[in-house]
Protein backbone atom coordinates (compact mmCIF):
# COMPACT_ATOMS: atom_id res chain seq x y z
CA MET A 1 -191.93 -129.89 122.65
CA ALA A 2 -189.70 -132.18 120.74
CA ASP A 3 -191.58 -135.11 122.08
CA GLN A 4 -194.86 -133.76 121.13
CA ALA A 5 -193.59 -132.97 117.44
CA SER A 6 -192.51 -136.41 117.18
CA ASP A 7 -195.68 -137.74 118.46
CA ALA A 8 -197.62 -135.60 115.75
CA MET A 9 -195.19 -136.39 113.14
CA VAL A 10 -195.68 -139.98 113.70
CA ASP A 11 -199.44 -139.56 113.56
CA ARG A 12 -199.06 -137.87 110.56
CA ARG A 13 -196.89 -140.64 109.06
CA ARG A 14 -199.84 -143.16 109.14
CA PHE A 15 -201.89 -140.27 107.40
CA LEU A 16 -199.36 -139.38 104.53
CA GLY A 17 -198.29 -143.04 104.18
CA TYR A 18 -200.08 -143.47 100.91
CA THR A 19 -198.66 -140.42 99.26
CA GLY A 20 -195.37 -141.80 97.83
CA ALA A 21 -196.56 -144.89 96.40
CA THR A 22 -199.10 -143.09 94.24
CA LEU A 23 -196.08 -141.39 92.79
CA PHE A 24 -193.22 -143.80 92.33
CA GLY A 25 -193.66 -143.91 88.26
CA THR A 26 -193.16 -139.97 88.12
CA ALA A 27 -190.44 -140.07 90.73
CA ALA A 28 -188.51 -142.76 89.21
CA LEU A 29 -188.58 -141.14 85.79
CA ALA A 30 -187.01 -137.90 87.54
CA GLY A 31 -184.25 -140.04 89.03
CA CYS A 32 -183.51 -141.64 85.90
CA THR A 33 -182.74 -138.34 84.35
CA ASP A 34 -179.54 -137.68 86.13
CA ASP A 35 -177.27 -138.94 83.54
CA GLU A 36 -179.38 -139.61 80.45
CA ASN A 37 -176.07 -139.97 78.09
CA GLY A 38 -174.52 -142.69 80.15
CA ASP A 39 -171.35 -141.23 79.75
CA GLY A 40 -170.57 -139.97 83.09
CA GLU A 41 -170.69 -136.33 82.16
CA GLY A 42 -173.84 -135.53 83.81
CA ALA A 43 -172.79 -136.78 87.06
CA ASP A 44 -169.82 -134.26 86.91
CA GLY A 45 -171.55 -131.72 88.63
CA GLY A 46 -169.29 -130.69 91.53
CA ASN A 47 -167.78 -127.53 91.57
CA GLY A 48 -164.68 -128.52 93.09
CA ASP A 49 -161.89 -130.76 93.18
CA GLY A 50 -161.97 -134.44 95.28
CA ALA A 51 -164.85 -136.68 94.68
CA ALA A 52 -166.99 -134.06 92.67
CA GLY A 53 -169.90 -136.07 91.25
CA ALA A 54 -170.02 -138.97 93.55
CA LEU A 55 -173.40 -137.54 95.36
CA ALA A 56 -175.16 -136.86 91.98
CA GLU A 57 -174.59 -140.54 90.95
CA ALA A 58 -175.79 -141.96 94.29
CA GLU A 59 -179.10 -143.71 93.34
CA PRO A 60 -181.99 -143.69 95.71
CA LEU A 61 -182.03 -146.24 98.11
CA GLY A 62 -186.05 -146.28 97.95
CA GLU A 63 -187.82 -144.02 95.80
CA PRO A 64 -186.67 -140.62 94.61
CA VAL A 65 -188.26 -137.35 96.12
CA ASP A 66 -190.41 -135.14 93.99
CA SER A 67 -192.38 -132.01 94.12
CA THR A 68 -195.60 -133.68 95.54
CA ALA A 69 -193.82 -135.01 98.73
CA VAL A 70 -193.14 -138.55 99.23
CA SER A 71 -193.32 -140.28 102.47
CA TRP A 72 -190.33 -141.47 104.93
CA ASP A 73 -192.00 -144.94 104.49
CA ASP A 74 -191.18 -144.91 100.71
CA LEU A 75 -187.33 -143.87 101.22
CA GLY A 76 -184.49 -146.05 102.03
CA ASP A 77 -183.31 -146.85 105.52
CA LEU A 78 -180.69 -144.50 107.26
CA GLU A 79 -177.80 -146.22 108.60
CA GLY A 80 -174.43 -145.00 109.50
CA GLU A 81 -173.09 -141.87 111.04
CA LEU A 82 -173.41 -138.36 109.17
CA THR A 83 -171.18 -135.44 110.31
CA ILE A 84 -173.34 -131.92 110.01
CA TYR A 85 -171.96 -128.68 110.45
CA SER A 86 -174.84 -126.43 111.01
CA GLY A 87 -175.29 -122.62 111.10
CA ARG A 88 -178.72 -123.19 112.58
CA THR A 89 -178.96 -123.48 116.56
CA PRO A 90 -179.62 -126.68 118.17
CA ASP A 91 -183.26 -125.46 119.19
CA GLN A 92 -183.94 -125.15 115.55
CA ILE A 93 -182.91 -128.29 114.05
CA ASP A 94 -181.58 -130.44 116.84
CA ALA A 95 -185.34 -132.05 117.23
CA ALA A 96 -185.35 -132.93 113.58
CA PHE A 97 -181.98 -134.97 113.82
CA GLU A 98 -183.25 -136.68 117.06
CA ALA A 99 -186.42 -137.64 115.39
CA LEU A 100 -184.50 -139.41 112.53
CA GLU A 101 -182.04 -141.09 115.00
CA ASP A 102 -185.32 -142.30 116.62
CA GLU A 103 -186.76 -143.58 113.57
CA TYR A 104 -183.58 -145.40 112.36
CA GLU A 105 -181.54 -147.50 114.74
CA GLY A 106 -178.04 -147.46 113.73
CA PHE A 107 -178.04 -144.11 112.30
CA THR A 108 -176.40 -141.08 114.10
CA VAL A 109 -175.71 -137.64 113.45
CA SER A 110 -172.40 -135.72 114.79
CA ARG A 111 -173.59 -132.21 115.30
CA ASN A 112 -171.06 -129.15 114.80
CA TYR A 113 -172.91 -125.86 115.87
CA ALA A 114 -171.86 -122.45 115.24
CA ASP A 115 -172.55 -119.13 113.33
CA ASN A 116 -172.96 -119.33 109.80
CA ASP A 117 -169.75 -117.04 109.41
CA VAL A 118 -167.57 -119.45 111.88
CA GLN A 119 -168.73 -122.64 109.86
CA VAL A 120 -167.91 -121.23 106.45
CA ASN A 121 -164.44 -119.90 107.65
CA GLN A 122 -163.83 -123.49 109.29
CA LEU A 123 -165.10 -125.41 106.16
CA ILE A 124 -162.63 -123.11 104.02
CA GLU A 125 -159.70 -123.60 106.26
CA GLU A 126 -160.41 -127.42 106.45
CA GLY A 127 -160.78 -127.82 102.60
CA GLU A 128 -160.94 -131.31 101.38
CA ALA A 129 -159.74 -132.60 104.89
CA THR A 130 -163.28 -131.50 106.52
CA PRO A 131 -164.88 -134.49 108.56
CA ALA A 132 -168.05 -132.65 107.58
CA ASP A 133 -170.35 -134.54 105.09
CA LEU A 134 -173.21 -131.65 105.03
CA PHE A 135 -173.58 -127.99 105.92
CA TYR A 136 -176.80 -127.03 107.12
CA SER A 137 -176.94 -123.19 106.54
CA GLN A 138 -179.43 -120.73 108.45
CA ASP A 139 -179.46 -118.68 104.91
CA PRO A 140 -178.37 -118.89 101.46
CA GLY A 141 -175.54 -116.62 101.65
CA ALA A 142 -173.17 -119.03 103.39
CA LEU A 143 -174.17 -121.77 101.00
CA ASN A 144 -173.22 -119.21 98.18
CA ALA A 145 -169.93 -118.50 99.92
CA LEU A 146 -169.13 -122.22 100.05
CA GLU A 147 -170.15 -122.64 96.28
CA GLY A 148 -167.95 -119.64 95.20
CA GLU A 149 -164.85 -121.62 97.17
CA GLY A 150 -165.79 -124.80 94.95
CA LEU A 151 -166.48 -126.92 98.24
CA LEU A 152 -169.90 -127.99 97.34
CA GLN A 153 -170.82 -130.46 94.86
CA GLU A 154 -174.24 -131.05 92.80
CA LEU A 155 -177.18 -132.82 94.44
CA PRO A 156 -178.72 -135.74 92.56
CA GLY A 157 -181.34 -134.82 90.19
CA ASP A 158 -184.61 -135.92 92.08
CA LEU A 159 -183.29 -133.53 95.04
CA VAL A 160 -183.06 -130.64 92.90
CA ASP A 161 -186.18 -131.06 91.19
CA ALA A 162 -188.30 -131.46 94.10
CA VAL A 163 -187.86 -127.76 95.26
CA PRO A 164 -188.81 -124.77 93.04
CA GLU A 165 -186.00 -123.04 91.28
CA SER A 166 -186.36 -119.81 93.33
CA TYR A 167 -185.72 -121.70 96.70
CA ARG A 168 -182.31 -123.44 95.48
CA HIS A 169 -179.05 -122.79 93.64
CA PRO A 170 -179.58 -122.79 89.96
CA ASP A 171 -176.59 -125.31 89.37
CA GLY A 172 -178.26 -127.51 92.06
CA VAL A 173 -175.35 -127.45 94.33
CA TRP A 174 -177.67 -126.16 97.45
CA THR A 175 -181.13 -126.53 98.03
CA GLY A 176 -183.47 -124.92 100.61
CA VAL A 177 -185.18 -127.26 103.17
CA THR A 178 -187.53 -124.87 104.65
CA GLY A 179 -188.57 -120.97 104.48
CA ARG A 180 -189.66 -118.06 106.41
CA THR A 181 -190.58 -114.42 105.73
CA ARG A 182 -189.76 -111.14 107.09
CA SER A 183 -192.75 -109.82 109.02
CA ILE A 184 -194.16 -107.51 111.54
CA GLN A 185 -194.33 -108.84 115.05
CA PHE A 186 -196.68 -107.26 117.49
CA ASN A 187 -198.11 -107.43 120.92
CA THR A 188 -201.94 -107.84 120.58
CA GLU A 189 -202.64 -106.53 124.15
CA ARG A 190 -200.28 -103.32 123.77
CA TRP A 191 -200.97 -102.46 120.24
CA GLU A 192 -204.07 -100.63 119.48
CA GLY A 193 -205.71 -102.25 116.61
CA ASP A 194 -204.93 -105.51 114.64
CA ALA A 195 -202.83 -106.62 111.88
CA GLU A 196 -204.84 -104.42 109.49
CA ASP A 197 -203.67 -101.35 111.01
CA PHE A 198 -200.19 -101.68 110.14
CA PRO A 199 -198.48 -100.11 106.89
CA THR A 200 -198.18 -102.49 104.24
CA ASP A 201 -194.87 -100.47 102.86
CA ILE A 202 -191.91 -101.36 105.03
CA MET A 203 -190.59 -97.77 104.30
CA GLU A 204 -193.41 -96.12 106.42
CA TYR A 205 -192.02 -98.12 109.50
CA ALA A 206 -189.34 -95.23 109.80
CA THR A 207 -191.61 -92.17 109.59
CA ASP A 208 -194.83 -93.39 110.98
CA GLU A 209 -194.98 -91.77 114.38
CA ARG A 210 -196.97 -94.67 116.08
CA PHE A 211 -193.87 -96.79 116.01
CA GLN A 212 -191.47 -94.12 117.89
CA GLY A 213 -189.81 -95.71 120.69
CA VAL A 214 -191.89 -98.92 120.70
CA ILE A 215 -190.20 -100.67 117.84
CA ALA A 216 -187.26 -103.30 117.64
CA THR A 217 -185.18 -105.19 115.13
CA ARG A 218 -182.26 -107.58 115.13
CA PRO A 219 -179.47 -106.34 112.74
CA ASN A 220 -176.86 -108.68 113.26
CA SER A 221 -178.49 -111.66 111.45
CA GLY A 222 -177.52 -112.70 107.77
CA THR A 223 -181.40 -112.53 107.25
CA PHE A 224 -181.31 -108.90 108.13
CA ARG A 225 -178.63 -108.10 106.10
CA GLY A 226 -180.12 -109.66 102.97
CA PHE A 227 -183.62 -107.62 103.82
CA ILE A 228 -181.18 -104.73 103.70
CA GLN A 229 -179.80 -105.94 100.35
CA ALA A 230 -183.13 -106.55 99.22
CA MET A 231 -184.20 -102.90 100.14
CA VAL A 232 -181.33 -101.45 98.26
CA GLU A 233 -182.05 -103.36 95.16
CA LEU A 234 -185.74 -102.71 95.42
CA GLU A 235 -185.76 -98.77 96.66
CA GLY A 236 -182.03 -97.62 96.05
CA GLU A 237 -179.20 -97.27 98.43
CA GLU A 238 -179.99 -93.58 99.45
CA GLU A 239 -183.53 -94.59 100.46
CA THR A 240 -182.32 -97.65 102.37
CA ARG A 241 -179.74 -95.26 104.08
CA GLU A 242 -182.45 -92.99 104.93
CA TRP A 243 -184.57 -95.70 106.23
CA VAL A 244 -181.96 -96.82 108.61
CA ARG A 245 -180.76 -93.71 109.74
CA ALA A 246 -184.60 -92.81 110.54
CA MET A 247 -185.11 -95.90 112.28
CA VAL A 248 -182.11 -95.23 114.48
CA GLU A 249 -182.49 -91.60 115.16
CA GLU A 250 -186.29 -90.70 114.68
CA GLN A 251 -187.80 -94.11 115.83
CA ASP A 252 -185.42 -94.92 118.66
CA VAL A 253 -185.38 -98.54 117.39
CA GLN A 254 -184.57 -101.02 120.05
CA LEU A 255 -181.84 -103.49 118.91
CA PHE A 256 -181.69 -107.03 119.77
CA GLU A 257 -178.96 -109.61 119.46
CA GLY A 258 -181.34 -112.75 119.17
CA GLY A 259 -184.41 -113.35 117.02
CA SER A 260 -185.86 -115.44 119.61
CA ASP A 261 -185.03 -112.93 122.59
CA GLN A 262 -186.89 -110.34 120.33
CA ALA A 263 -189.91 -112.30 119.84
CA GLU A 264 -189.97 -113.27 123.37
CA ALA A 265 -189.72 -109.59 124.56
CA VAL A 266 -192.66 -108.49 122.20
CA ASN A 267 -194.77 -111.63 123.80
CA ARG A 268 -193.74 -110.89 127.39
CA GLY A 269 -195.05 -107.37 126.77
CA GLY A 270 -193.43 -105.47 129.69
CA ASP A 271 -193.03 -101.70 129.77
CA ASP A 272 -189.48 -101.76 128.49
CA ASP A 273 -190.35 -104.32 126.05
CA PRO A 274 -190.85 -103.34 122.26
CA ILE A 275 -194.78 -103.62 121.15
CA VAL A 276 -193.80 -104.14 117.43
CA ALA A 277 -190.45 -105.73 116.02
CA LEU A 278 -189.28 -106.46 112.66
CA GLY A 279 -188.17 -110.13 112.28
CA ASN A 280 -188.37 -113.51 110.71
CA SER A 281 -192.06 -115.12 111.15
CA TYR A 282 -191.08 -118.15 112.63
CA TYR A 283 -189.85 -116.83 115.87
CA ALA A 284 -193.51 -115.87 116.55
CA ALA A 285 -194.94 -119.00 114.89
CA ARG A 286 -192.90 -121.00 117.31
CA ILE A 287 -194.47 -119.06 120.52
CA LEU A 288 -198.02 -119.58 118.67
CA ASN A 289 -197.43 -123.26 118.32
CA GLU A 290 -196.81 -123.77 121.91
CA ASP A 291 -199.47 -121.45 123.04
CA PRO A 292 -202.20 -120.33 120.26
CA ASP A 293 -203.36 -117.78 123.00
CA ALA A 294 -200.12 -115.92 123.35
CA PRO A 295 -200.40 -112.42 122.82
CA ILE A 296 -198.25 -111.90 119.75
CA ASP A 297 -199.41 -111.58 116.25
CA LEU A 298 -198.02 -110.90 112.76
CA ALA A 299 -198.48 -108.44 110.12
CA PHE A 300 -197.04 -108.35 106.54
CA THR A 301 -195.81 -105.67 104.26
CA GLU A 302 -196.81 -106.34 100.65
CA ASN A 303 -194.25 -107.10 97.80
CA ASP A 304 -191.36 -105.24 99.37
CA ALA A 305 -188.21 -106.07 101.19
CA GLY A 306 -190.42 -106.32 104.55
CA CYS A 307 -191.89 -109.52 103.56
CA LEU A 308 -188.69 -110.96 101.95
CA PHE A 309 -188.88 -114.89 101.63
CA SER A 310 -185.84 -116.75 102.30
CA VAL A 311 -184.67 -120.25 103.07
CA ALA A 312 -182.47 -122.24 105.36
CA GLY A 313 -180.78 -124.95 103.16
CA VAL A 314 -178.14 -127.70 102.92
CA GLY A 315 -175.06 -128.25 100.71
CA VAL A 316 -173.07 -131.30 100.32
CA LEU A 317 -169.17 -131.34 100.40
CA ASN A 318 -166.97 -132.67 98.12
CA ASP A 319 -165.48 -135.57 99.85
CA LEU A 320 -167.82 -138.14 101.09
CA GLU A 321 -167.33 -141.88 102.48
CA ASP A 322 -171.10 -142.71 101.94
CA PRO A 323 -172.92 -140.58 99.16
CA GLU A 324 -175.68 -142.54 99.18
CA LEU A 325 -176.48 -142.03 102.80
CA VAL A 326 -176.08 -138.26 102.53
CA ALA A 327 -178.29 -138.15 99.50
CA GLU A 328 -180.85 -140.39 101.39
CA PHE A 329 -180.59 -138.00 104.58
CA VAL A 330 -181.61 -134.88 102.46
CA ARG A 331 -184.55 -137.06 101.00
CA HIS A 332 -185.93 -137.43 104.40
CA LEU A 333 -185.47 -133.62 104.94
CA LEU A 334 -187.44 -132.72 101.71
CA ALA A 335 -190.11 -135.65 102.39
CA ALA A 336 -193.64 -134.98 103.79
CA GLU A 337 -192.60 -135.93 107.34
CA GLY A 338 -189.43 -133.88 107.37
CA GLN A 339 -191.20 -130.77 105.94
CA GLU A 340 -194.11 -131.06 108.47
CA PHE A 341 -191.59 -131.83 111.48
CA MET A 342 -189.95 -128.48 110.57
CA MET A 343 -193.41 -126.78 110.06
CA GLU A 344 -194.90 -127.95 113.59
CA ALA A 345 -191.53 -127.78 115.41
CA ASN A 346 -189.98 -124.59 114.18
CA GLY A 347 -192.96 -122.51 112.74
CA GLU A 348 -191.38 -122.57 109.07
CA TYR A 349 -192.78 -122.80 105.84
CA PRO A 350 -192.58 -125.98 103.47
CA VAL A 351 -190.55 -125.62 100.10
CA VAL A 352 -191.92 -128.81 98.54
CA GLU A 353 -195.05 -128.03 96.72
CA GLY A 354 -196.89 -131.02 97.73
CA VAL A 355 -196.84 -130.05 101.47
CA ASP A 356 -199.57 -127.69 102.59
CA TYR A 357 -198.63 -125.22 105.21
CA VAL A 358 -200.36 -125.96 108.52
CA GLY A 359 -199.89 -123.40 111.19
CA GLU A 360 -201.00 -120.31 112.78
CA LEU A 361 -199.39 -117.96 110.34
CA PRO A 362 -200.86 -116.91 106.87
CA ASP A 363 -200.24 -119.15 103.75
CA LEU A 364 -197.60 -117.62 101.55
CA GLU A 365 -200.26 -117.11 98.83
CA GLU A 366 -201.58 -114.57 101.09
CA ILE A 367 -198.36 -112.43 101.98
CA ASN A 368 -197.03 -111.47 98.38
CA PRO A 369 -193.18 -111.62 99.01
CA PRO A 370 -191.23 -110.08 96.20
CA GLU A 371 -189.50 -112.56 93.77
CA PHE A 372 -185.88 -112.69 94.54
CA ASP A 373 -182.98 -114.47 93.52
CA LEU A 374 -181.52 -116.19 96.46
CA SER A 375 -178.32 -117.28 94.98
CA ASP A 376 -177.14 -113.82 94.57
CA PHE A 377 -176.90 -113.71 98.45
CA ASP A 378 -173.22 -113.71 99.55
CA MET A 379 -172.61 -114.76 103.18
CA ASP A 380 -171.11 -111.33 104.35
CA LEU A 381 -173.42 -109.43 102.35
CA GLN A 382 -170.76 -106.67 103.08
CA GLU A 383 -172.22 -103.81 101.25
CA ALA A 384 -175.45 -104.24 103.47
CA GLN A 385 -173.23 -104.71 106.68
CA ASN A 386 -170.96 -101.61 105.57
CA LEU A 387 -174.45 -99.67 105.28
CA LEU A 388 -175.57 -100.52 108.57
CA ASP A 389 -172.01 -99.62 110.16
CA GLU A 390 -171.89 -96.45 108.46
CA GLU A 391 -175.83 -95.30 109.73
CA GLY A 392 -175.40 -96.39 113.17
CA MET A 393 -177.63 -99.74 113.53
CA THR A 394 -175.26 -102.36 114.79
CA VAL A 395 -175.26 -104.28 118.22
């Protein structure tokens, strides 16, 4: 699959090669606004000690990125080694690292994979002595936790401006790279009806008898805790408790420990497998990208926690040996090919407006997710976790 995605990306590069060249003037202007005073104050954007500000001062090696998406051809070459701590799993992100290593001879990524909470605790323990240059998080909560510890520094201005405000930290200390939305996964051969027959109100999934004994979810992820936190804010704590309690006691919800396992079970369609599941959109999208005829489809609620949009993102640690390389690497993630690679290989949504979504899922404009400040999410989402523990939705 990685080879196919890489081939597709190379073909697309030829198609998109003109894009960045037409944008040079605007992008260059954005890149020059980083420190307009010329007194260095604008570069002191880090929130920790050490080499704070070094990254924000790093000039683009080629063109800056912007919201219309430049091409890898217009960026500087990557050369050297980066150490990346990833809260994303290898199947989600390793193909992107491999594509960049294949693209640039002499560029390597030293990977360190673990759950978000493990990585955050490790980075806090290592402090300024960490070998990590960059943390690639599965969700905003872990990045906010590191920001709270003063371990992240401000990104260069063009990286901050390339992504809409709702998909990044307001102070520019992390940015979303790709996005996904909460969704209703269902087996098209076992569900009587189509996507139009599902409730558009997430609260009804705890009371509609059609879901009794056939619905599943995965409660142990940061994304699910974010979903619960969003429900508390939108619906109220007691209503959320009643929803969780009813899902457990009345609907006999089947609980999974992994999002991929859950989507594969829905797609498999065995007698003991769920027919309907609440999960992130990209798990089903990855199945459909490999097999458009797979018997799995998605439905979406409207403007509630059931279709919450969130991002995977990156934050850069304070002490760096090569700030220019780190900044240029992030530019590659936000450039057209980086966005499209993750769209094709991982079924995620782009966060750069200049990249159109192409895939088996509806466009975000068709989904109507609620507006939410992702920088408010913390890593543990402890109140949401406490609520789940108290109402018995745990694995």
